[in-house]
Amino acid sequence: MSTATSGNRHTPRGRRAATVAVALFLAAAPGCKKKEAMVLPAPEVWVTQAVAKDVPVTMELVGQTAGSKDVEIRARVEGYLETVNFREGDFVKEGELLYQIDPKPFQAVVAQAKAQVASAQAKLGQAETEESRLKPLAEQQAVSRRDYDNAVSARDAAKAQLDAAESTLESARLNLGYTTIKAPISGLADLSKVKPGNLVGRGESTLLTTISVIDPIYFQAGITEADYLKFAEKAVAAGQRLGKAGRRAALVLADGTVFAEKGTLDAVQRSVDAKTGTLAIRLLFPNPSQVLRPGQYGRLQFVSETLAGAVCVPQKAVSELQGVFQVVVVGAGNKAEIRTVKMGPRTGELWVVSGGLKVGETVVVEGLQQVRPGGEVKPKPIEEARAEAAAPSAPAEGAEAQKPAGK
């Protein structure tokens, strides 16, 4: 009796203890399932060092070619054009016949002037004979002094009339010669502005065509006043005149090709254009192949200065945002630092850093998007990546040719 009662009393306590133990286990179980926070590895980036290099600064100017001699061929007398005696747009030689104006009216004027000369010569001869006859008589006082003076005046007047007639004849011959128009120089002739049958020279000297000497040929461009001052200061420091500096330049044509010959500075304009603020410069280019013709546009390229020991980085290492340039510098402990820099000119694949970076500092070239300011990175030289890309790919492991199994 007592034994049964004692067992019933202890049973509820045992159940409560078991319940508390299970609760404590369940409470502790979620804590055991929590995982530790994941630590991301440092991103891998390709880097290189900023190097010092002498960088030539290239200036580019847009301009236009012009003949070293441009001669306008104009009609100097009025008349109807009979013939055009040259091939338009082709080269002509000095003295070659270009145009012929109808000479008949001018031939008639020459004939009339010759007749006037002959008449004046006859009158002069008569006056000289009369003066010679009266001269000894006047010395002997056989005739009055007045008669002799009149004879001398008549002789002088006849001589003046002869001179005038000869001048008229010379003018008529010149006008007749102007009807035959020849090339004054050898060069490239333009298209003819007139055709046979046109009336030319009325009221003005009609433009017929233009001949240009294109070997050598001029190239004219405009330089800003600020750039001119830089060149002028350097020329003064070197003891040279700007217009006589031996600077050579390349010419990039409209199709992007570079002209084979180099040009030299020939002349600088006297004054700055107040409207554009530019100063015209003229260069002389040899043109033996006669590829260049007047009026062609091109881009003039020449080295304006050389930056000695400039700090250079690959262009891919520079990022730009709203005109602000930045590079990622890897410092001590492989910590990344985003640094604002000042950029200069570009040369090939490099970019000159004019401020904010020193020679020898390590910059990130590839992997910029993975870098966090102040974060750690795993740098690898970009030269290794280029070497791996240039090396031939090795065959895959285990890729051996299978041999047929023998029986």
Protein backbone atom coordinates (compact mmCIF):
# COMPACT_ATOMS: atom_id res chain seq x y z
CA MET A 1 0.00 0.00 0.00
CA SER A 2 2.70 2.32 1.03
CA THR A 3 4.84 1.26 -1.94
CA ALA A 4 2.15 2.17 -4.51
CA THR A 5 1.53 5.50 -2.90
CA SER A 6 5.20 6.40 -2.94
CA GLY A 7 5.52 5.57 -6.70
CA ASN A 8 2.54 7.81 -7.58
CA ARG A 9 4.02 10.79 -5.73
CA HIS A 10 7.40 10.69 -7.54
CA THR A 11 6.01 10.21 -11.06
CA PRO A 12 4.81 13.88 -11.64
CA ARG A 13 8.12 15.30 -10.43
CA GLY A 14 10.05 13.14 -12.85
CA ARG A 15 7.84 14.29 -15.69
CA ARG A 16 8.39 17.98 -14.84
CA ALA A 17 12.18 17.50 -14.75
CA ALA A 18 12.12 15.84 -18.17
CA THR A 19 10.01 18.65 -19.58
CA VAL A 20 12.48 21.33 -18.33
CA ALA A 21 15.42 19.41 -19.82
CA VAL A 22 13.72 19.16 -23.20
CA ALA A 23 12.91 22.89 -23.15
CA LEU A 24 16.50 23.80 -22.34
CA PHE A 25 17.73 21.60 -25.21
CA LEU A 26 15.30 23.13 -27.66
CA ALA A 27 16.29 26.62 -26.58
CA ALA A 28 19.95 25.84 -27.08
CA ALA A 29 19.44 24.06 -30.41
CA PRO A 30 18.95 27.22 -32.66
CA GLY A 31 22.12 28.75 -31.28
CA CYS A 32 24.08 25.78 -32.40
CA LYS A 33 22.75 26.13 -35.99
CA LYS A 34 23.99 29.78 -36.42
CA LYS A 35 26.88 30.07 -38.95
CA GLU A 36 29.83 32.37 -38.57
CA ALA A 37 29.88 35.55 -40.90
CA MET A 38 31.59 34.89 -44.31
CA VAL A 39 34.82 36.84 -45.01
CA LEU A 40 35.22 37.69 -48.77
CA PRO A 41 38.73 37.27 -50.20
CA ALA A 42 40.63 40.31 -51.45
CA PRO A 43 39.75 41.02 -55.11
CA GLU A 44 42.41 40.26 -57.69
CA VAL A 45 43.51 43.28 -59.75
CA TRP A 46 46.12 43.88 -62.43
CA VAL A 47 48.54 46.67 -61.63
CA THR A 48 51.53 48.50 -63.02
CA GLN A 49 53.88 51.24 -61.91
CA ALA A 50 53.82 54.86 -63.02
CA VAL A 51 56.88 55.44 -65.20
CA ALA A 52 58.89 58.50 -66.20
CA LYS A 53 59.12 59.18 -69.92
CA ASP A 54 60.03 62.01 -72.26
CA VAL A 55 56.74 62.76 -74.01
CA PRO A 56 56.55 64.85 -77.20
CA VAL A 57 53.46 67.05 -77.22
CA THR A 58 51.84 67.07 -80.66
CA MET A 59 49.80 70.05 -81.83
CA GLU A 60 47.22 69.71 -84.57
CA LEU A 61 45.93 72.55 -86.75
CA VAL A 62 43.29 72.46 -89.47
CA GLY A 63 44.09 74.33 -92.66
CA GLN A 64 44.02 74.41 -96.44
CA THR A 65 46.51 74.13 -99.28
CA ALA A 66 47.26 76.92 -101.75
CA GLY A 67 49.57 77.23 -104.72
CA SER A 68 52.97 78.68 -104.01
CA LYS A 69 52.21 80.89 -107.01
CA ASP A 70 48.65 81.61 -108.12
CA VAL A 71 48.49 83.68 -111.31
CA GLU A 72 45.14 84.90 -112.63
CA ILE A 73 44.95 85.00 -116.43
CA ARG A 74 42.77 87.94 -117.50
CA ALA A 75 41.76 89.54 -120.78
CA ARG A 76 43.58 92.88 -121.13
CA VAL A 77 41.73 94.02 -124.25
CA GLU A 78 38.11 93.87 -125.34
CA GLY A 79 37.18 91.40 -128.02
CA TYR A 80 35.52 88.14 -128.94
CA LEU A 81 37.29 84.97 -127.88
CA GLU A 82 38.23 82.84 -130.86
CA THR A 83 39.91 79.76 -129.38
CA VAL A 84 40.86 78.04 -126.13
CA ASN A 85 44.16 76.33 -126.85
CA PHE A 86 44.93 74.33 -123.70
CA ARG A 87 43.50 71.31 -121.92
CA GLU A 88 41.52 72.53 -118.94
CA GLY A 89 42.69 71.27 -115.55
CA ASP A 90 46.02 70.13 -116.96
CA PHE A 91 49.58 71.33 -116.61
CA VAL A 92 50.81 74.03 -118.99
CA LYS A 93 54.30 75.28 -119.76
CA GLU A 94 55.53 78.85 -119.68
CA GLY A 95 54.93 80.51 -123.06
CA GLU A 96 52.27 78.03 -124.15
CA LEU A 97 49.31 79.53 -126.03
CA LEU A 98 46.18 79.59 -123.89
CA TYR A 99 43.63 81.89 -125.61
CA GLN A 100 43.25 83.78 -128.85
CA ILE A 101 41.07 86.88 -129.07
CA ASP A 102 39.96 88.07 -132.50
CA PRO A 103 42.93 90.22 -133.66
CA LYS A 104 41.38 91.85 -136.75
CA PRO A 105 40.15 95.10 -135.13
CA PHE A 106 43.56 95.57 -133.50
CA GLN A 107 45.41 94.84 -136.71
CA ALA A 108 43.43 97.65 -138.34
CA VAL A 109 44.38 100.03 -135.53
CA VAL A 110 48.05 99.09 -135.98
CA ALA A 111 47.84 99.79 -139.71
CA GLN A 112 46.26 103.18 -139.06
CA ALA A 113 48.94 104.02 -136.50
CA LYS A 114 51.64 103.09 -138.99
CA ALA A 115 50.13 105.51 -141.51
CA GLN A 116 50.14 108.28 -138.95
CA VAL A 117 53.80 107.58 -138.21
CA ALA A 118 54.64 107.76 -141.89
CA SER A 119 52.79 111.08 -142.25
CA ALA A 120 54.55 112.50 -139.20
CA GLN A 121 57.92 111.41 -140.56
CA ALA A 122 57.20 113.19 -143.86
CA LYS A 123 56.22 116.37 -142.07
CA LEU A 124 59.32 116.18 -139.93
CA GLY A 125 61.51 115.76 -142.97
CA GLN A 126 59.94 118.79 -144.65
CA ALA A 127 60.34 120.88 -141.51
CA GLU A 128 63.97 119.84 -141.10
CA THR A 129 64.67 120.74 -144.74
CA GLU A 130 63.10 124.16 -144.32
CA GLU A 131 65.07 124.82 -141.15
CA SER A 132 68.32 123.75 -142.80
CA ARG A 133 67.64 126.07 -145.79
CA LEU A 134 66.87 129.12 -143.64
CA LYS A 135 69.69 128.70 -141.17
CA PRO A 136 72.58 130.03 -143.39
CA LEU A 137 70.34 132.78 -144.75
CA ALA A 138 69.49 133.84 -141.22
CA GLU A 139 73.20 133.94 -140.37
CA GLN A 140 73.76 136.23 -143.37
CA GLN A 141 70.68 138.23 -142.37
CA ALA A 142 69.20 137.45 -145.79
CA VAL A 143 65.94 136.49 -144.07
CA SER A 144 64.36 137.78 -140.95
CA ARG A 145 65.04 136.18 -137.63
CA ARG A 146 61.33 135.53 -137.21
CA ASP A 147 61.14 133.39 -140.34
CA TYR A 148 64.01 131.24 -139.11
CA ASP A 149 62.47 130.91 -135.63
CA ASN A 150 59.18 129.83 -137.20
CA ALA A 151 61.04 127.18 -139.19
CA VAL A 152 62.72 125.86 -136.02
CA SER A 153 59.37 125.73 -134.22
CA ALA A 154 57.78 123.88 -137.12
CA ARG A 155 60.61 121.34 -137.05
CA ASP A 156 60.22 120.73 -133.29
CA ALA A 157 56.44 120.43 -133.62
CA ALA A 158 56.81 117.88 -136.41
CA LYS A 159 59.24 115.89 -134.27
CA ALA A 160 56.77 115.89 -131.36
CA GLN A 161 54.00 114.72 -133.66
CA LEU A 162 56.20 111.88 -134.84
CA ASP A 163 56.90 110.85 -131.26
CA ALA A 164 53.16 110.85 -130.51
CA ALA A 165 52.42 108.81 -133.63
CA GLU A 166 55.09 106.29 -132.72
CA SER A 167 53.67 106.00 -129.19
CA THR A 168 50.23 105.38 -130.65
CA LEU A 169 51.69 102.70 -132.89
CA GLU A 170 53.45 101.06 -129.95
CA SER A 171 50.21 101.04 -127.95
CA ALA A 172 48.33 99.53 -130.89
CA ARG A 173 50.96 96.82 -131.23
CA LEU A 174 50.72 96.05 -127.51
CA ASN A 175 46.95 95.71 -127.72
CA LEU A 176 47.36 93.46 -130.73
CA GLY A 177 49.82 91.36 -128.74
CA TYR A 178 47.31 91.08 -125.87
CA THR A 179 44.93 89.23 -128.18
CA THR A 180 47.34 86.27 -127.99
CA ILE A 181 47.33 85.09 -124.37
CA LYS A 182 50.19 82.81 -123.30
CA ALA A 183 51.05 81.13 -120.01
CA PRO A 184 53.29 83.43 -117.91
CA ILE A 185 54.49 80.51 -115.74
CA SER A 186 54.50 76.73 -115.80
CA GLY A 187 51.87 75.19 -113.55
CA LEU A 188 48.46 73.64 -113.14
CA ALA A 189 45.72 75.41 -115.11
CA ASP A 190 42.21 75.74 -113.75
CA LEU A 191 39.04 75.18 -115.77
CA SER A 192 38.38 77.94 -118.28
CA LYS A 193 35.90 80.57 -117.15
CA VAL A 194 34.95 81.52 -120.72
CA LYS A 195 34.24 79.71 -123.96
CA PRO A 196 34.95 80.59 -127.62
CA GLY A 197 32.57 83.27 -128.84
CA ASN A 198 32.31 85.06 -125.49
CA LEU A 199 32.95 88.79 -125.39
CA VAL A 200 35.75 89.44 -122.91
CA GLY A 201 37.45 92.53 -121.54
CA ARG A 202 34.50 94.90 -121.77
CA GLY A 203 34.64 97.35 -118.89
CA GLU A 204 36.95 95.11 -116.85
CA SER A 205 39.71 92.58 -117.29
CA THR A 206 37.72 89.36 -117.52
CA LEU A 207 39.12 86.40 -115.55
CA LEU A 208 39.86 83.60 -118.01
CA THR A 209 41.57 80.99 -115.80
CA THR A 210 44.15 80.61 -113.03
CA ILE A 211 47.53 78.88 -113.11
CA SER A 212 49.05 77.57 -109.88
CA VAL A 213 52.54 76.33 -109.06
CA ILE A 214 51.96 73.29 -106.82
CA ASP A 215 55.50 72.00 -106.39
CA PRO A 216 56.22 73.20 -103.80
CA ILE A 217 52.79 73.98 -102.36
CA TYR A 218 51.67 76.09 -99.41
CA PHE A 219 49.58 74.94 -96.45
CA GLN A 220 47.93 77.71 -94.46
CA ALA A 221 46.44 77.31 -90.97
CA GLY A 222 45.48 79.45 -88.00
CA ILE A 223 47.11 79.28 -84.57
CA THR A 224 45.57 80.73 -81.42
CA GLU A 225 47.09 83.78 -79.83
CA ALA A 226 47.91 81.81 -76.65
CA ASP A 227 49.80 79.14 -78.59
CA TYR A 228 51.60 81.79 -80.60
CA LEU A 229 52.85 83.39 -77.38
CA LYS A 230 54.21 80.02 -76.19
CA PHE A 231 56.12 79.54 -79.43
CA ALA A 232 57.34 83.13 -79.39
CA GLU A 233 58.70 82.80 -75.85
CA LYS A 234 60.57 79.60 -76.74
CA ALA A 235 61.96 81.14 -79.92
CA VAL A 236 63.19 84.19 -78.01
CA ALA A 237 64.78 81.95 -75.36
CA ALA A 238 66.56 80.00 -78.12
CA GLY A 239 67.69 83.18 -79.84
CA GLN A 240 65.63 82.49 -82.98
CA ARG A 241 62.95 84.23 -84.95
CA LEU A 242 59.62 82.44 -84.95
CA GLY A 243 59.22 82.64 -88.72
CA LYS A 244 62.69 81.16 -89.28
CA ALA A 245 62.46 78.22 -86.89
CA GLY A 246 63.35 74.93 -88.55
CA ARG A 247 60.22 73.15 -87.35
CA ARG A 248 59.04 70.27 -89.52
CA ALA A 249 55.43 69.16 -89.66
CA ALA A 250 53.37 66.28 -91.01
CA LEU A 251 50.19 66.68 -93.04
CA VAL A 252 47.22 64.35 -92.51
CA LEU A 253 44.97 64.32 -95.57
CA ALA A 254 41.18 64.06 -95.72
CA ASP A 255 41.25 60.25 -96.03
CA GLY A 256 43.39 59.90 -92.90
CA THR A 257 46.65 59.14 -94.70
CA VAL A 258 49.84 61.03 -93.87
CA PHE A 259 51.44 62.91 -96.75
CA ALA A 260 54.86 61.51 -97.63
CA GLU A 261 56.72 64.83 -97.49
CA LYS A 262 57.36 66.98 -94.42
CA GLY A 263 56.66 70.70 -94.38
CA THR A 264 58.68 73.59 -92.96
CA LEU A 265 57.50 76.89 -91.55
CA ASP A 266 57.67 79.52 -94.27
CA ALA A 267 55.97 82.66 -92.93
CA VAL A 268 53.83 84.03 -90.11
CA GLN A 269 51.06 86.59 -90.62
CA ARG A 270 51.83 90.16 -89.61
CA SER A 271 48.85 90.68 -87.29
CA VAL A 272 46.31 88.72 -85.25
CA ASP A 273 42.80 88.50 -86.69
CA ALA A 274 40.64 90.45 -84.25
CA LYS A 275 37.51 88.45 -85.18
CA THR A 276 38.92 84.97 -84.65
CA GLY A 277 41.85 85.65 -82.33
CA THR A 278 44.14 83.57 -84.53
CA LEU A 279 47.35 84.17 -86.38
CA ALA A 280 47.85 82.68 -89.84
CA ILE A 281 50.95 80.58 -90.43
CA ARG A 282 52.16 79.21 -93.75
CA LEU A 283 54.19 76.06 -94.33
CA LEU A 284 55.92 74.91 -97.50
CA PHE A 285 55.56 71.27 -98.59
CA PRO A 286 57.47 69.62 -101.44
CA ASN A 287 54.95 68.07 -103.83
CA PRO A 288 56.93 66.13 -106.44
CA SER A 289 54.13 63.62 -106.99
CA GLN A 290 51.69 66.54 -107.44
CA VAL A 291 49.13 64.77 -105.28
CA LEU A 292 48.30 67.96 -103.38
CA ARG A 293 46.23 70.58 -105.18
CA PRO A 294 45.10 74.03 -104.10
CA GLY A 295 42.07 74.11 -101.82
CA GLN A 296 42.55 70.72 -100.13
CA TYR A 297 41.79 70.56 -96.41
CA GLY A 298 44.05 68.73 -94.00
CA ARG A 299 45.35 68.54 -90.45
CA LEU A 300 48.80 69.81 -89.65
CA GLN A 301 50.66 67.87 -86.94
CA PHE A 302 53.94 68.87 -85.36
CA VAL A 303 55.74 68.54 -82.03
CA SER A 304 55.19 71.74 -80.08
CA GLU A 305 57.26 70.74 -77.02
CA THR A 306 58.74 67.75 -75.17
CA LEU A 307 57.83 67.00 -71.55
CA ALA A 308 61.02 65.63 -69.98
CA GLY A 309 60.53 62.88 -67.36
CA ALA A 310 56.73 63.08 -67.38
CA VAL A 311 54.79 60.69 -65.12
CA CYS A 312 52.88 58.26 -67.34
CA VAL A 313 50.25 55.56 -66.68
CA PRO A 314 48.17 53.43 -69.04
CA GLN A 315 45.04 55.18 -70.22
CA LYS A 316 42.94 52.24 -68.93
CA ALA A 317 44.08 53.08 -65.39
CA VAL A 318 42.33 56.47 -65.47
CA SER A 319 38.62 56.93 -64.81
CA GLU A 320 36.72 60.14 -65.44
CA LEU A 321 33.51 61.43 -63.89
CA GLN A 322 32.19 64.88 -64.75
CA GLY A 323 35.62 66.16 -65.66
CA VAL A 324 37.32 64.74 -62.56
CA PHE A 325 40.08 62.20 -63.21
CA GLN A 326 40.95 59.47 -60.71
CA VAL A 327 43.33 56.53 -60.38
CA VAL A 328 43.42 53.71 -57.86
CA VAL A 329 46.79 53.55 -56.09
CA VAL A 330 47.86 50.38 -54.25
CA GLY A 331 49.81 51.36 -51.15
CA ALA A 332 51.27 49.68 -48.09
CA GLY A 333 49.53 46.49 -47.07
CA ASN A 334 47.95 46.28 -50.52
CA LYS A 335 45.39 48.88 -49.48
CA ALA A 336 43.58 50.62 -52.32
CA GLU A 337 43.41 54.43 -52.40
CA ILE A 338 41.26 56.34 -54.88
CA ARG A 339 43.24 59.45 -55.78
CA THR A 340 42.22 62.49 -57.81
CA VAL A 341 44.86 63.44 -60.37
CA LYS A 342 45.48 66.08 -63.01
CA MET A 343 45.98 64.78 -66.53
CA GLY A 344 48.13 66.02 -69.37
CA PRO A 345 48.50 64.96 -73.01
CA ARG A 346 48.23 61.38 -74.28
CA THR A 347 50.96 59.49 -76.08
CA GLY A 348 50.16 56.12 -77.59
CA GLU A 349 48.57 53.93 -74.88
CA LEU A 350 49.94 56.11 -72.08
CA TRP A 351 48.54 59.21 -70.42
CA VAL A 352 50.65 61.87 -68.78
CA VAL A 353 49.74 62.62 -65.14
CA SER A 354 50.71 66.22 -64.52
CA GLY A 355 49.77 66.22 -60.84
CA GLY A 356 48.74 63.91 -57.99
CA LEU A 357 50.96 60.91 -58.74
CA LYS A 358 54.67 60.10 -58.44
CA VAL A 359 56.96 57.89 -60.47
CA GLY A 360 57.07 54.32 -59.11
CA GLU A 361 53.64 54.33 -57.45
CA THR A 362 51.48 51.31 -58.25
CA VAL A 363 48.16 51.90 -59.99
CA VAL A 364 45.34 49.52 -60.87
CA VAL A 365 44.90 48.93 -64.59
CA GLU A 366 42.19 46.26 -64.66
CA GLY A 367 39.64 45.32 -62.01
CA LEU A 368 38.78 48.88 -60.97
CA GLN A 369 35.11 47.99 -60.45
CA GLN A 370 36.02 45.50 -57.70
CA VAL A 371 38.04 47.95 -55.61
CA ARG A 372 36.67 49.60 -52.47
CA PRO A 373 38.30 52.72 -50.99
CA GLY A 374 40.67 51.57 -48.26
CA GLY A 375 39.99 47.91 -49.00
CA GLU A 376 42.65 45.28 -49.48
CA VAL A 377 43.39 43.98 -52.97
CA LYS A 378 45.48 41.19 -54.43
CA PRO A 379 47.73 42.91 -57.01
CA LYS A 380 49.24 41.14 -59.98
CA PRO A 381 51.54 42.80 -62.50
CA ILE A 382 49.80 43.53 -65.79
CA GLU A 383 52.95 42.41 -67.58
CA GLU A 384 52.24 38.83 -66.46
CA ALA A 385 48.77 38.97 -67.97
CA ARG A 386 50.17 40.22 -71.26
CA ALA A 387 52.82 37.49 -71.26
CA GLU A 388 50.18 34.82 -70.63
CA ALA A 389 48.02 36.20 -73.42
CA ALA A 390 50.96 36.17 -75.82
CA ALA A 391 52.12 32.65 -74.90
CA PRO A 392 50.68 29.69 -76.87
CA SER A 393 48.00 27.75 -75.02
CA ALA A 394 49.20 24.44 -73.48
CA PRO A 395 47.34 21.18 -74.32
CA ALA A 396 44.76 20.04 -71.77
CA GLU A 397 45.91 17.48 -69.21
CA GLY A 398 45.02 13.86 -70.04
CA ALA A 399 44.14 14.78 -73.60
CA GLU A 400 46.18 11.94 -75.01
CA ALA A 401 45.14 10.16 -78.13
CA GLN A 402 43.25 6.98 -77.41
CA LYS A 403 44.71 3.88 -78.95
CA PRO A 404 42.44 1.10 -80.19
CA ALA A 405 42.46 -1.89 -77.87
CA GLY A 406 44.19 -4.92 -79.32
CA LYS A 407 42.51 -8.27 -79.47
